């Protein structure tokens, strides 16, 4: 039925003027549309899969970073009083104190040094340390040069742990922010404590900081590098830290001087030199919880480390 005005002539399409053999078929006319639909559906499927896959599941295929842990001897301090290491120990007891640092060799290519020993003449003069070598010479036993060290963790600012910071030109230095702040400031004011801290080491740390090579760690339980966490509470110095590291055999804890000897842990005895003995004991208890096995807690100065872990030898002990 026709309603309205005069009918309008239909406009003939150019394709209708072509011979029938040259006209596009219905399939050819629809093909671009279906191609577009297929590409759109594929893109939607990819986006949906990505958005709704849990983050943990997406990373399951990548193995977690693990580290080989080595204790490295850099000297021996003979005849050291045990009463200066273990609270309440017999004042007559002496020990040949093991001077050591620790290397964490990562599956990610990181070579992380925990503490740096001592070597400057004004620091070591008169102390009687035997078989003293630089930290750079100690890491050479594992085939590494100073330039190979990517990171240095300073557990605390005492001379026998921080004096070699300037030996590793490409390393980032990790130290607790409160440790840095205290020993570059209030420690030298009336009422401050700076026993065992070398002014030259403080100046070196400040210089490294102004050069952009220092990372200040803001407090307890921080993962500073994948697979490596630092903890506070040992209170050997103002804000000393200790290190938890993921190994193939579980978590190892580098106690450094927050636990001088195995004896501290075995007798539940605080270290003799601490800002807070109760806090130190709580830190030792926490080390037991963090470490996968008790033997993976590594004290700061115990010669038994190189007895318990005798390989590979020559002043090197692999903790495993």
C-alpha atoms as a PDB file:
ATOM      1  CA  UNK A   1       0.000   0.000   0.000  1.00  0.00           C
ATOM      2  CA  UNK A   2       1.360   3.365  -0.918  1.00  0.00           C
ATOM      3  CA  UNK A   3       0.869   6.279   1.414  1.00  0.00           C
ATOM      4  CA  UNK A   4       2.215   9.754   1.167  1.00  0.00           C
ATOM      5  CA  UNK A   5       3.526  11.682  -1.807  1.00  0.00           C
ATOM      6  CA  UNK A   6       4.926  10.688  -5.072  1.00  0.00           C
ATOM      7  CA  UNK A   7       7.302   7.716  -5.071  1.00  0.00           C
ATOM      8  CA  UNK A   8      11.040   8.524  -5.412  1.00  0.00           C
ATOM      9  CA  UNK A   9      13.104   6.627  -8.000  1.00  0.00           C
ATOM     10  CA  UNK A  10      15.593   4.120  -6.474  1.00  0.00           C
ATOM     11  CA  UNK A  11      19.274   5.036  -6.890  1.00  0.00           C
ATOM     12  CA  UNK A  12      21.119   2.339  -8.826  1.00  0.00           C
ATOM     13  CA  UNK A  13      24.442   1.210  -7.290  1.00  0.00           C
ATOM     14  CA  UNK A  14      27.531   1.127  -9.494  1.00  0.00           C
ATOM     15  CA  UNK A  15      28.028  -2.553  -8.798  1.00  0.00           C
ATOM     16  CA  UNK A  16      24.623  -3.316 -10.332  1.00  0.00           C
ATOM     17  CA  UNK A  17      25.749  -1.866 -13.647  1.00  0.00           C
ATOM     18  CA  UNK A  18      28.625  -4.367 -13.903  1.00  0.00           C
ATOM     19  CA  UNK A  19      28.108  -7.664 -15.652  1.00  0.00           C
ATOM     20  CA  UNK A  20      26.779 -10.316 -13.300  1.00  0.00           C
ATOM     21  CA  UNK A  21      30.029 -12.280 -13.447  1.00  0.00           C
ATOM     22  CA  UNK A  22      31.951  -9.319 -12.009  1.00  0.00           C
ATOM     23  CA  UNK A  23      29.561  -8.482  -9.200  1.00  0.00           C
ATOM     24  CA  UNK A  24      30.797  -9.382  -5.622  1.00  0.00           C
ATOM     25  CA  UNK A  25      29.093 -12.348  -4.081  1.00  0.00           C
ATOM     26  CA  UNK A  26      27.274 -12.141  -0.740  1.00  0.00           C
ATOM     27  CA  UNK A  27      30.195 -14.051   0.853  1.00  0.00           C
ATOM     28  CA  UNK A  28      32.774 -11.595  -0.492  1.00  0.00           C
ATOM     29  CA  UNK A  29      30.722  -8.641   0.654  1.00  0.00           C
ATOM     30  CA  UNK A  30      30.450 -10.006   4.240  1.00  0.00           C
ATOM     31  CA  UNK A  31      34.075 -11.247   4.576  1.00  0.00           C
ATOM     32  CA  UNK A  32      35.651  -7.970   5.886  1.00  0.00           C
ATOM     33  CA  UNK A  33      32.962  -7.791   8.555  1.00  0.00           C
ATOM     34  CA  UNK A  34      33.645 -11.349   9.786  1.00  0.00           C
ATOM     35  CA  UNK A  35      37.426 -10.777   9.769  1.00  0.00           C
ATOM     36  CA  UNK A  36      36.931  -7.758  11.988  1.00  0.00           C
ATOM     37  CA  UNK A  37      34.690  -9.728  14.327  1.00  0.00           C
ATOM     38  CA  UNK A  38      37.258 -12.556  14.644  1.00  0.00           C
ATOM     39  CA  UNK A  39      40.088 -10.150  15.492  1.00  0.00           C
ATOM     40  CA  UNK A  40      37.902  -8.351  18.016  1.00  0.00           C
ATOM     41  CA  UNK A  41      36.911 -11.590  19.765  1.00  0.00           C
ATOM     42  CA  UNK A  42      40.557 -12.725  19.930  1.00  0.00           C
ATOM     43  CA  UNK A  43      41.631  -9.430  21.494  1.00  0.00           C
ATOM     44  CA  UNK A  44      38.786  -9.645  24.017  1.00  0.00           C
ATOM     45  CA  UNK A  45      39.840 -13.163  25.001  1.00  0.00           C
ATOM     46  CA  UNK A  46      43.459 -12.083  25.583  1.00  0.00           C
ATOM     47  CA  UNK A  47      42.428  -9.074  27.686  1.00  0.00           C
ATOM     48  CA  UNK A  48      39.993 -11.143  29.738  1.00  0.00           C
ATOM     49  CA  UNK A  49      42.636 -13.794  30.426  1.00  0.00           C
ATOM     50  CA  UNK A  50      45.164 -11.168  31.547  1.00  0.00           C
ATOM     51  CA  UNK A  51      42.797  -9.161  33.716  1.00  0.00           C
ATOM     52  CA  UNK A  52      41.247 -12.092  35.541  1.00  0.00           C
ATOM     53  CA  UNK A  53      44.405 -14.170  36.118  1.00  0.00           C
ATOM     54  CA  UNK A  54      45.723 -13.704  39.714  1.00  0.00           C
ATOM     55  CA  UNK A  55      49.097 -11.949  39.917  1.00  0.00           C
ATOM     56  CA  UNK A  56      50.592 -14.862  41.824  1.00  0.00           C
ATOM     57  CA  UNK A  57      49.509 -17.318  39.141  1.00  0.00           C
ATOM     58  CA  UNK A  58      51.068 -15.176  36.393  1.00  0.00           C
ATOM     59  CA  UNK A  59      54.456 -15.273  38.140  1.00  0.00           C
ATOM     60  CA  UNK A  60      54.488 -18.975  38.976  1.00  0.00           C
ATOM     61  CA  UNK A  61      56.548 -19.790  35.919  1.00  0.00           C
ATOM     62  CA  UNK A  62      59.436 -17.561  37.040  1.00  0.00           C
ATOM     63  CA  UNK A  63      61.603 -19.206  39.708  1.00  0.00           C
ATOM     64  CA  UNK A  64      62.199 -17.142  42.858  1.00  0.00           C
ATOM     65  CA  UNK A  65      65.631 -15.594  43.251  1.00  0.00           C
ATOM     66  CA  UNK A  66      67.904 -17.567  45.583  1.00  0.00           C
ATOM     67  CA  UNK A  67      71.402 -16.902  46.885  1.00  0.00           C
ATOM     68  CA  UNK A  68      74.510 -18.819  47.748  1.00  0.00           C
ATOM     69  CA  UNK A  69      75.755 -17.561  51.126  1.00  0.00           C
ATOM     70  CA  UNK A  70      79.447 -17.439  51.989  1.00  0.00           C
ATOM     71  CA  UNK A  71      81.274 -16.345  55.125  1.00  0.00           C
ATOM     72  CA  UNK A  72      84.657 -14.831  54.272  1.00  0.00           C
ATOM     73  CA  UNK A  73      87.468 -14.489  56.785  1.00  0.00           C
ATOM     74  CA  UNK A  74      89.482 -11.298  56.643  1.00  0.00           C
ATOM     75  CA  UNK A  75      91.542 -11.788  59.800  1.00  0.00           C
ATOM     76  CA  UNK A  76      91.706 -13.000  63.386  1.00  0.00           C
ATOM     77  CA  UNK A  77      91.743 -10.880  66.544  1.00  0.00           C
ATOM     78  CA  UNK A  78      93.625 -13.032  69.081  1.00  0.00           C
ATOM     79  CA  UNK A  79      92.951 -13.171  72.814  1.00  0.00           C
ATOM     80  CA  UNK A  80      89.657 -11.284  72.797  1.00  0.00           C
ATOM     81  CA  UNK A  81      87.699 -11.389  76.101  1.00  0.00           C
ATOM     82  CA  UNK A  82      84.490 -13.414  75.876  1.00  0.00           C
ATOM     83  CA  UNK A  83      82.929 -11.149  78.527  1.00  0.00           C
ATOM     84  CA  UNK A  84      82.936  -8.393  75.888  1.00  0.00           C
ATOM     85  CA  UNK A  85      80.797 -10.642  73.666  1.00  0.00           C
ATOM     86  CA  UNK A  86      78.466 -12.601  75.969  1.00  0.00           C
ATOM     87  CA  UNK A  87      76.751 -10.847  78.866  1.00  0.00           C
ATOM     88  CA  UNK A  88      77.763 -12.408  82.167  1.00  0.00           C
ATOM     89  CA  UNK A  89      80.611 -14.535  80.761  1.00  0.00           C
ATOM     90  CA  UNK A  90      83.732 -15.334  82.799  1.00  0.00           C
ATOM     91  CA  UNK A  91      86.094 -12.356  82.530  1.00  0.00           C
ATOM     92  CA  UNK A  92      89.084 -14.697  82.302  1.00  0.00           C
ATOM     93  CA  UNK A  93      87.911 -16.451  79.153  1.00  0.00           C
ATOM     94  CA  UNK A  94      89.538 -15.459  75.880  1.00  0.00           C
ATOM     95  CA  UNK A  95      88.789 -16.306  72.260  1.00  0.00           C
ATOM     96  CA  UNK A  96      90.545 -15.813  68.960  1.00  0.00           C
ATOM     97  CA  UNK A  97      87.860 -13.612  67.477  1.00  0.00           C
ATOM     98  CA  UNK A  98      86.965 -14.398  63.867  1.00  0.00           C
ATOM     99  CA  UNK A  99      86.779 -11.301  61.693  1.00  0.00           C
ATOM    100  CA  UNK A 100      84.428 -11.993  58.800  1.00  0.00           C
ATOM    101  CA  UNK A 101      82.134 -10.578  56.157  1.00  0.00           C
ATOM    102  CA  UNK A 102      79.489 -12.346  54.062  1.00  0.00           C
ATOM    103  CA  UNK A 103      78.837 -12.652  50.353  1.00  0.00           C
ATOM    104  CA  UNK A 104      75.388 -13.354  48.917  1.00  0.00           C
ATOM    105  CA  UNK A 105      75.709 -14.611  45.348  1.00  0.00           C
ATOM    106  CA  UNK A 106      72.333 -14.378  43.615  1.00  0.00           C
ATOM    107  CA  UNK A 107      70.709 -16.328  40.814  1.00  0.00           C
ATOM    108  CA  UNK A 108      69.724 -12.876  39.500  1.00  0.00           C
ATOM    109  CA  UNK A 109      73.368 -11.905  38.958  1.00  0.00           C
ATOM    110  CA  UNK A 110      73.580  -9.822  42.136  1.00  0.00           C
ATOM    111  CA  UNK A 111      76.724 -10.017  44.274  1.00  0.00           C
ATOM    112  CA  UNK A 112      75.729  -8.590  47.635  1.00  0.00           C
ATOM    113  CA  UNK A 113      78.347  -8.049  50.321  1.00  0.00           C
ATOM    114  CA  UNK A 114      77.240  -7.874  53.952  1.00  0.00           C
ATOM    115  CA  UNK A 115      79.718  -5.583  55.737  1.00  0.00           C
ATOM    116  CA  UNK A 116      83.134  -4.580  54.470  1.00  0.00           C
ATOM    117  CA  UNK A 117      85.748  -5.286  57.140  1.00  0.00           C
ATOM    118  CA  UNK A 118      88.541  -2.822  57.841  1.00  0.00           C
ATOM    119  CA  UNK A 119      91.800  -1.862  56.220  1.00  0.00           C
ATOM    120  CA  UNK A 120      92.729   1.813  56.668  1.00  0.00           C
ATOM    121  CA  UNK A 121      95.987   2.158  58.570  1.00  0.00           C
ATOM    122  CA  UNK A 122      94.599   4.634  61.100  1.00  0.00           C
ATOM    123  CA  UNK A 123      91.807   2.170  61.909  1.00  0.00           C
ATOM    124  CA  UNK A 124      93.712  -1.109  62.193  1.00  0.00           C
ATOM    125  CA  UNK A 125      96.975   0.212  63.646  1.00  0.00           C
ATOM    126  CA  UNK A 126      97.778  -1.240  67.048  1.00  0.00           C
ATOM    127  CA  UNK A 127      94.852  -3.668  67.142  1.00  0.00           C
ATOM    128  CA  UNK A 128      96.974  -6.730  66.487  1.00  0.00           C
ATOM    129  CA  UNK A 129      94.694  -8.339  63.907  1.00  0.00           C
ATOM    130  CA  UNK A 130      96.424 -11.350  62.356  1.00  0.00           C
ATOM    131  CA  UNK A 131      96.174 -12.430  58.714  1.00  0.00           C
ATOM    132  CA  UNK A 132      94.394  -9.180  57.884  1.00  0.00           C
ATOM    133  CA  UNK A 133      93.260  -8.776  54.273  1.00  0.00           C
ATOM    134  CA  UNK A 134      91.015  -6.251  52.568  1.00  0.00           C
ATOM    135  CA  UNK A 135      87.419  -7.186  51.837  1.00  0.00           C
ATOM    136  CA  UNK A 136      88.297  -6.844  48.157  1.00  0.00           C
ATOM    137  CA  UNK A 137      90.901  -9.590  48.573  1.00  0.00           C
ATOM    138  CA  UNK A 138      88.396 -11.765  50.432  1.00  0.00           C
ATOM    139  CA  UNK A 139      85.819 -11.657  47.599  1.00  0.00           C
ATOM    140  CA  UNK A 140      88.605 -12.428  45.118  1.00  0.00           C
ATOM    141  CA  UNK A 141      88.705 -15.935  46.624  1.00  0.00           C
ATOM    142  CA  UNK A 142      85.354 -16.459  44.915  1.00  0.00           C
ATOM    143  CA  UNK A 143      86.589 -15.041  41.638  1.00  0.00           C
ATOM    144  CA  UNK A 144      85.053 -11.591  42.087  1.00  0.00           C
ATOM    145  CA  UNK A 145      86.613  -8.171  41.617  1.00  0.00           C
ATOM    146  CA  UNK A 146      85.557  -5.050  43.570  1.00  0.00           C
ATOM    147  CA  UNK A 147      83.621  -3.898  40.487  1.00  0.00           C
ATOM    148  CA  UNK A 148      81.559  -7.110  40.545  1.00  0.00           C
ATOM    149  CA  UNK A 149      79.960  -6.210  43.880  1.00  0.00           C
ATOM    150  CA  UNK A 150      76.535  -4.749  43.103  1.00  0.00           C
ATOM    151  CA  UNK A 151      75.365  -3.991  46.637  1.00  0.00           C
ATOM    152  CA  UNK A 152      76.802  -3.600  50.134  1.00  0.00           C
ATOM    153  CA  UNK A 153      74.667  -3.984  53.248  1.00  0.00           C
ATOM    154  CA  UNK A 154      76.170  -2.255  56.283  1.00  0.00           C
ATOM    155  CA  UNK A 155      74.736  -3.931  59.375  1.00  0.00           C
ATOM    156  CA  UNK A 156      76.179  -1.213  61.626  1.00  0.00           C
ATOM    157  CA  UNK A 157      78.801   1.502  61.651  1.00  0.00           C
ATOM    158  CA  UNK A 158      81.533  -0.082  63.812  1.00  0.00           C
ATOM    159  CA  UNK A 159      85.021   0.156  62.336  1.00  0.00           C
ATOM    160  CA  UNK A 160      85.406  -3.588  61.685  1.00  0.00           C
ATOM    161  CA  UNK A 161      82.227  -3.682  59.586  1.00  0.00           C
ATOM    162  CA  UNK A 162      82.067  -0.336  57.785  1.00  0.00           C
ATOM    163  CA  UNK A 163      85.680   0.723  57.142  1.00  0.00           C
ATOM    164  CA  UNK A 164      85.867  -0.883  53.682  1.00  0.00           C
ATOM    165  CA  UNK A 165      82.823   0.835  52.156  1.00  0.00           C
ATOM    166  CA  UNK A 166      85.007   2.721  49.697  1.00  0.00           C
ATOM    167  CA  UNK A 167      86.470  -0.419  48.116  1.00  0.00           C
ATOM    168  CA  UNK A 168      83.536  -1.212  45.829  1.00  0.00           C
ATOM    169  CA  UNK A 169      83.046   1.461  43.161  1.00  0.00           C
ATOM    170  CA  UNK A 170      79.772   0.243  41.632  1.00  0.00           C
ATOM    171  CA  UNK A 171      77.973  -0.875  44.777  1.00  0.00           C
ATOM    172  CA  UNK A 172      74.869   0.653  46.293  1.00  0.00           C
ATOM    173  CA  UNK A 173      75.278   0.991  50.067  1.00  0.00           C
ATOM    174  CA  UNK A 174      72.278  -0.074  52.176  1.00  0.00           C
ATOM    175  CA  UNK A 175      72.107   1.190  55.767  1.00  0.00           C
ATOM    176  CA  UNK A 176      69.319   1.916  58.205  1.00  0.00           C
ATOM    177  CA  UNK A 177      68.157   5.513  57.978  1.00  0.00           C
ATOM    178  CA  UNK A 178      68.237   5.862  61.768  1.00  0.00           C
ATOM    179  CA  UNK A 179      71.785   4.469  61.926  1.00  0.00           C
ATOM    180  CA  UNK A 180      72.902   6.974  59.310  1.00  0.00           C
ATOM    181  CA  UNK A 181      71.133   9.856  61.001  1.00  0.00           C
ATOM    182  CA  UNK A 182      72.429   9.101  64.477  1.00  0.00           C
ATOM    183  CA  UNK A 183      76.101   8.628  63.611  1.00  0.00           C
ATOM    184  CA  UNK A 184      76.205  11.629  61.314  1.00  0.00           C
ATOM    185  CA  UNK A 185      74.599  13.786  63.997  1.00  0.00           C
ATOM    186  CA  UNK A 186      73.491  13.190  67.567  1.00  0.00           C
ATOM    187  CA  UNK A 187      76.162  10.575  68.362  1.00  0.00           C
ATOM    188  CA  UNK A 188      78.755  13.356  68.490  1.00  0.00           C
ATOM    189  CA  UNK A 189      76.695  15.703  70.641  1.00  0.00           C
ATOM    190  CA  UNK A 190      76.839  15.785  74.467  1.00  0.00           C
ATOM    191  CA  UNK A 191      75.292  12.569  75.765  1.00  0.00           C
ATOM    192  CA  UNK A 192      75.711  10.786  72.439  1.00  0.00           C
ATOM    193  CA  UNK A 193      77.401   7.398  72.053  1.00  0.00           C
ATOM    194  CA  UNK A 194      79.968   6.752  69.356  1.00  0.00           C
ATOM    195  CA  UNK A 195      82.234   4.042  70.764  1.00  0.00           C
ATOM    196  CA  UNK A 196      83.694   1.947  67.952  1.00  0.00           C
ATOM    197  CA  UNK A 197      82.711   4.485  65.295  1.00  0.00           C
ATOM    198  CA  UNK A 198      85.519   5.992  63.220  1.00  0.00           C
ATOM    199  CA  UNK A 199      84.959   9.625  62.179  1.00  0.00           C
ATOM    200  CA  UNK A 200      86.656   8.913  58.847  1.00  0.00           C
ATOM    201  CA  UNK A 201      84.154   6.132  58.152  1.00  0.00           C
ATOM    202  CA  UNK A 202      81.299   8.527  58.883  1.00  0.00           C
ATOM    203  CA  UNK A 203      82.749  11.053  56.460  1.00  0.00           C
ATOM    204  CA  UNK A 204      83.137   8.335  53.821  1.00  0.00           C
ATOM    205  CA  UNK A 205      79.480   7.390  54.248  1.00  0.00           C
ATOM    206  CA  UNK A 206      78.387  11.018  53.885  1.00  0.00           C
ATOM    207  CA  UNK A 207      80.516  11.401  50.761  1.00  0.00           C
ATOM    208  CA  UNK A 208      79.007   8.245  49.252  1.00  0.00           C
ATOM    209  CA  UNK A 209      75.555   9.564  50.069  1.00  0.00           C
ATOM    210  CA  UNK A 210      76.195  12.884  48.326  1.00  0.00           C
ATOM    211  CA  UNK A 211      77.385  10.868  45.327  1.00  0.00           C
ATOM    212  CA  UNK A 212      74.015   9.106  45.187  1.00  0.00           C
ATOM    213  CA  UNK A 213      75.385   5.707  46.221  1.00  0.00           C
ATOM    214  CA  UNK A 214      73.592   5.252  49.563  1.00  0.00           C
ATOM    215  CA  UNK A 215      70.092   3.828  50.063  1.00  0.00           C
ATOM    216  CA  UNK A 216      68.570   4.594  53.469  1.00  0.00           C
ATOM    217  CA  UNK A 217      66.359   1.762  54.767  1.00  0.00           C
ATOM    218  CA  UNK A 218      63.258   2.933  56.569  1.00  0.00           C
ATOM    219  CA  UNK A 219      62.908   0.532  59.464  1.00  0.00           C
ATOM    220  CA  UNK A 220      62.230  -3.116  60.178  1.00  0.00           C
ATOM    221  CA  UNK A 221      61.357  -6.044  57.921  1.00  0.00           C
ATOM    222  CA  UNK A 222      62.131  -4.471  54.559  1.00  0.00           C
ATOM    223  CA  UNK A 223      62.874  -6.398  51.370  1.00  0.00           C
ATOM    224  CA  UNK A 224      65.639  -4.239  49.925  1.00  0.00           C
ATOM    225  CA  UNK A 225      66.569  -6.627  47.098  1.00  0.00           C
ATOM    226  CA  UNK A 226      64.474  -9.533  45.848  1.00  0.00           C
ATOM    227  CA  UNK A 227      65.074 -12.426  48.251  1.00  0.00           C
ATOM    228  CA  UNK A 228      66.882 -10.283  50.850  1.00  0.00           C
ATOM    229  CA  UNK A 229      65.196  -8.678  53.855  1.00  0.00           C
ATOM    230  CA  UNK A 230      66.679  -6.630  56.690  1.00  0.00           C
ATOM    231  CA  UNK A 231      65.476  -6.484  60.285  1.00  0.00           C
ATOM    232  CA  UNK A 232      66.113  -4.189  63.225  1.00  0.00           C
ATOM    233  CA  UNK A 233      65.865  -4.672  66.986  1.00  0.00           C
ATOM    234  CA  UNK A 234      69.273  -6.169  67.790  1.00  0.00           C
ATOM    235  CA  UNK A 235      70.386  -2.778  69.131  1.00  0.00           C
ATOM    236  CA  UNK A 236      74.112  -3.550  68.971  1.00  0.00           C
ATOM    237  CA  UNK A 237      74.441   0.042  67.792  1.00  0.00           C
ATOM    238  CA  UNK A 238      71.773   2.713  67.581  1.00  0.00           C
ATOM    239  CA  UNK A 239      69.912   1.034  64.703  1.00  0.00           C
ATOM    240  CA  UNK A 240      71.900  -2.056  63.719  1.00  0.00           C
ATOM    241  CA  UNK A 241      70.272  -4.467  61.280  1.00  0.00           C
ATOM    242  CA  UNK A 242      70.548  -8.147  60.457  1.00  0.00           C
ATOM    243  CA  UNK A 243      69.812  -9.904  57.187  1.00  0.00           C
ATOM    244  CA  UNK A 244      67.467 -12.672  56.098  1.00  0.00           C
ATOM    245  CA  UNK A 245      68.330 -14.248  52.753  1.00  0.00           C
ATOM    246  CA  UNK A 246      66.532 -16.854  50.654  1.00  0.00           C
ATOM    247  CA  UNK A 247      68.749 -19.818  49.725  1.00  0.00           C
ATOM    248  CA  UNK A 248      67.958 -23.026  47.880  1.00  0.00           C
ATOM    249  CA  UNK A 249      67.878 -24.756  51.288  1.00  0.00           C
ATOM    250  CA  UNK A 250      65.707 -22.209  53.078  1.00  0.00           C
ATOM    251  CA  UNK A 251      66.121 -18.856  54.792  1.00  0.00           C
ATOM    252  CA  UNK A 252      69.523 -18.042  56.314  1.00  0.00           C
ATOM    253  CA  UNK A 253      70.026 -15.218  58.812  1.00  0.00           C
ATOM    254  CA  UNK A 254      73.225 -13.175  58.874  1.00  0.00           C
ATOM    255  CA  UNK A 255      73.131 -11.938  62.461  1.00  0.00           C
ATOM    256  CA  UNK A 256      76.366  -9.957  62.306  1.00  0.00           C
ATOM    257  CA  UNK A 257      77.121  -8.459  65.744  1.00  0.00           C
ATOM    258  CA  UNK A 258      73.508  -8.645  66.850  1.00  0.00           C
ATOM    259  CA  UNK A 259      74.663 -12.127  67.899  1.00  0.00           C
ATOM    260  CA  UNK A 260      78.421 -12.386  68.320  1.00  0.00           C
ATOM    261  CA  UNK A 261      78.739 -16.119  69.029  1.00  0.00           C
ATOM    262  CA  UNK A 262      76.671 -19.302  68.831  1.00  0.00           C
ATOM    263  CA  UNK A 263      76.937 -19.186  72.620  1.00  0.00           C
ATOM    264  CA  UNK A 264      74.663 -16.142  72.739  1.00  0.00           C
ATOM    265  CA  UNK A 265      71.893 -18.147  71.083  1.00  0.00           C
ATOM    266  CA  UNK A 266      72.527 -21.395  72.936  1.00  0.00           C
ATOM    267  CA  UNK A 267      72.540 -19.740  76.394  1.00  0.00           C
ATOM    268  CA  UNK A 268      69.955 -17.108  75.468  1.00  0.00           C
ATOM    269  CA  UNK A 269      72.457 -14.513  76.586  1.00  0.00           C
ATOM    270  CA  UNK A 270      72.400 -10.975  75.290  1.00  0.00           C
ATOM    271  CA  UNK A 271      75.456  -9.579  73.590  1.00  0.00           C
ATOM    272  CA  UNK A 272      77.646  -7.661  76.021  1.00  0.00           C
ATOM    273  CA  UNK A 273      77.706  -4.495  73.907  1.00  0.00           C
ATOM    274  CA  UNK A 274      74.166  -3.317  73.197  1.00  0.00           C
ATOM    275  CA  UNK A 275      71.928  -0.297  73.614  1.00  0.00           C
ATOM    276  CA  UNK A 276      69.131  -2.564  74.912  1.00  0.00           C
ATOM    277  CA  UNK A 277      69.704  -6.106  76.214  1.00  0.00           C
ATOM    278  CA  UNK A 278      66.003  -7.045  76.256  1.00  0.00           C
ATOM    279  CA  UNK A 279      65.585  -5.936  72.655  1.00  0.00           C
ATOM    280  CA  UNK A 280      68.663  -7.921  71.696  1.00  0.00           C
ATOM    281  CA  UNK A 281      67.271 -11.112  73.230  1.00  0.00           C
ATOM    282  CA  UNK A 282      63.967 -10.596  71.407  1.00  0.00           C
ATOM    283  CA  UNK A 283      65.909 -10.206  68.166  1.00  0.00           C
ATOM    284  CA  UNK A 284      67.712 -13.499  68.806  1.00  0.00           C
ATOM    285  CA  UNK A 285      64.359 -15.203  69.410  1.00  0.00           C
ATOM    286  CA  UNK A 286      63.095 -13.742  66.173  1.00  0.00           C
ATOM    287  CA  UNK A 287      66.142 -15.045  64.286  1.00  0.00           C
ATOM    288  CA  UNK A 288      65.124 -18.558  65.345  1.00  0.00           C
ATOM    289  CA  UNK A 289      61.694 -17.982  63.820  1.00  0.00           C
ATOM    290  CA  UNK A 290      63.044 -16.492  60.603  1.00  0.00           C
ATOM    291  CA  UNK A 291      65.724 -19.092  59.855  1.00  0.00           C
ATOM    292  CA  UNK A 292      64.615 -22.337  58.233  1.00  0.00           C
ATOM    293  CA  UNK A 293      67.014 -24.218  60.524  1.00  0.00           C
ATOM    294  CA  UNK A 294      68.953 -23.057  63.611  1.00  0.00           C
ATOM    295  CA  UNK A 295      72.295 -23.794  61.945  1.00  0.00           C
ATOM    296  CA  UNK A 296      71.436 -21.226  59.260  1.00  0.00           C
ATOM    297  CA  UNK A 297      71.769 -18.427  61.838  1.00  0.00           C
ATOM    298  CA  UNK A 298      75.271 -17.052  61.309  1.00  0.00           C
ATOM    299  CA  UNK A 299      76.919 -15.155  64.195  1.00  0.00           C
ATOM    300  CA  UNK A 300      79.181 -12.169  63.659  1.00  0.00           C
ATOM    301  CA  UNK A 301      82.508 -13.305  65.115  1.00  0.00           C
ATOM    302  CA  UNK A 302      82.465 -17.008  65.968  1.00  0.00           C
ATOM    303  CA  UNK A 303      85.436 -19.048  64.667  1.00  0.00           C
ATOM    304  CA  UNK A 304      83.155 -22.114  64.771  1.00  0.00           C
ATOM    305  CA  UNK A 305      81.484 -20.874  61.583  1.00  0.00           C
ATOM    306  CA  UNK A 306      84.533 -22.110  59.665  1.00  0.00           C
ATOM    307  CA  UNK A 307      84.430 -25.413  61.549  1.00  0.00           C
ATOM    308  CA  UNK A 308      80.727 -26.099  61.044  1.00  0.00           C
ATOM    309  CA  UNK A 309      80.970 -25.117  57.383  1.00  0.00           C
ATOM    310  CA  UNK A 310      84.410 -26.319  56.334  1.00  0.00           C
ATOM    311  CA  UNK A 311      84.000 -26.092  52.574  1.00  0.00           C
ATOM    312  CA  UNK A 312      85.338 -24.850  50.262  1.00  0.00           C
ATOM    313  CA  UNK A 313      88.075 -23.774  52.720  1.00  0.00           C
ATOM    314  CA  UNK A 314      90.907 -21.251  52.565  1.00  0.00           C
ATOM    315  CA  UNK A 315      88.985 -18.708  54.615  1.00  0.00           C
ATOM    316  CA  UNK A 316      85.714 -19.330  52.772  1.00  0.00           C
ATOM    317  CA  UNK A 317      82.713 -21.154  54.279  1.00  0.00           C
ATOM    318  CA  UNK A 318      79.553 -21.842  52.315  1.00  0.00           C
ATOM    319  CA  UNK A 319      76.506 -21.656  54.576  1.00  0.00           C
ATOM    320  CA  UNK A 320      74.094 -24.395  53.520  1.00  0.00           C
END
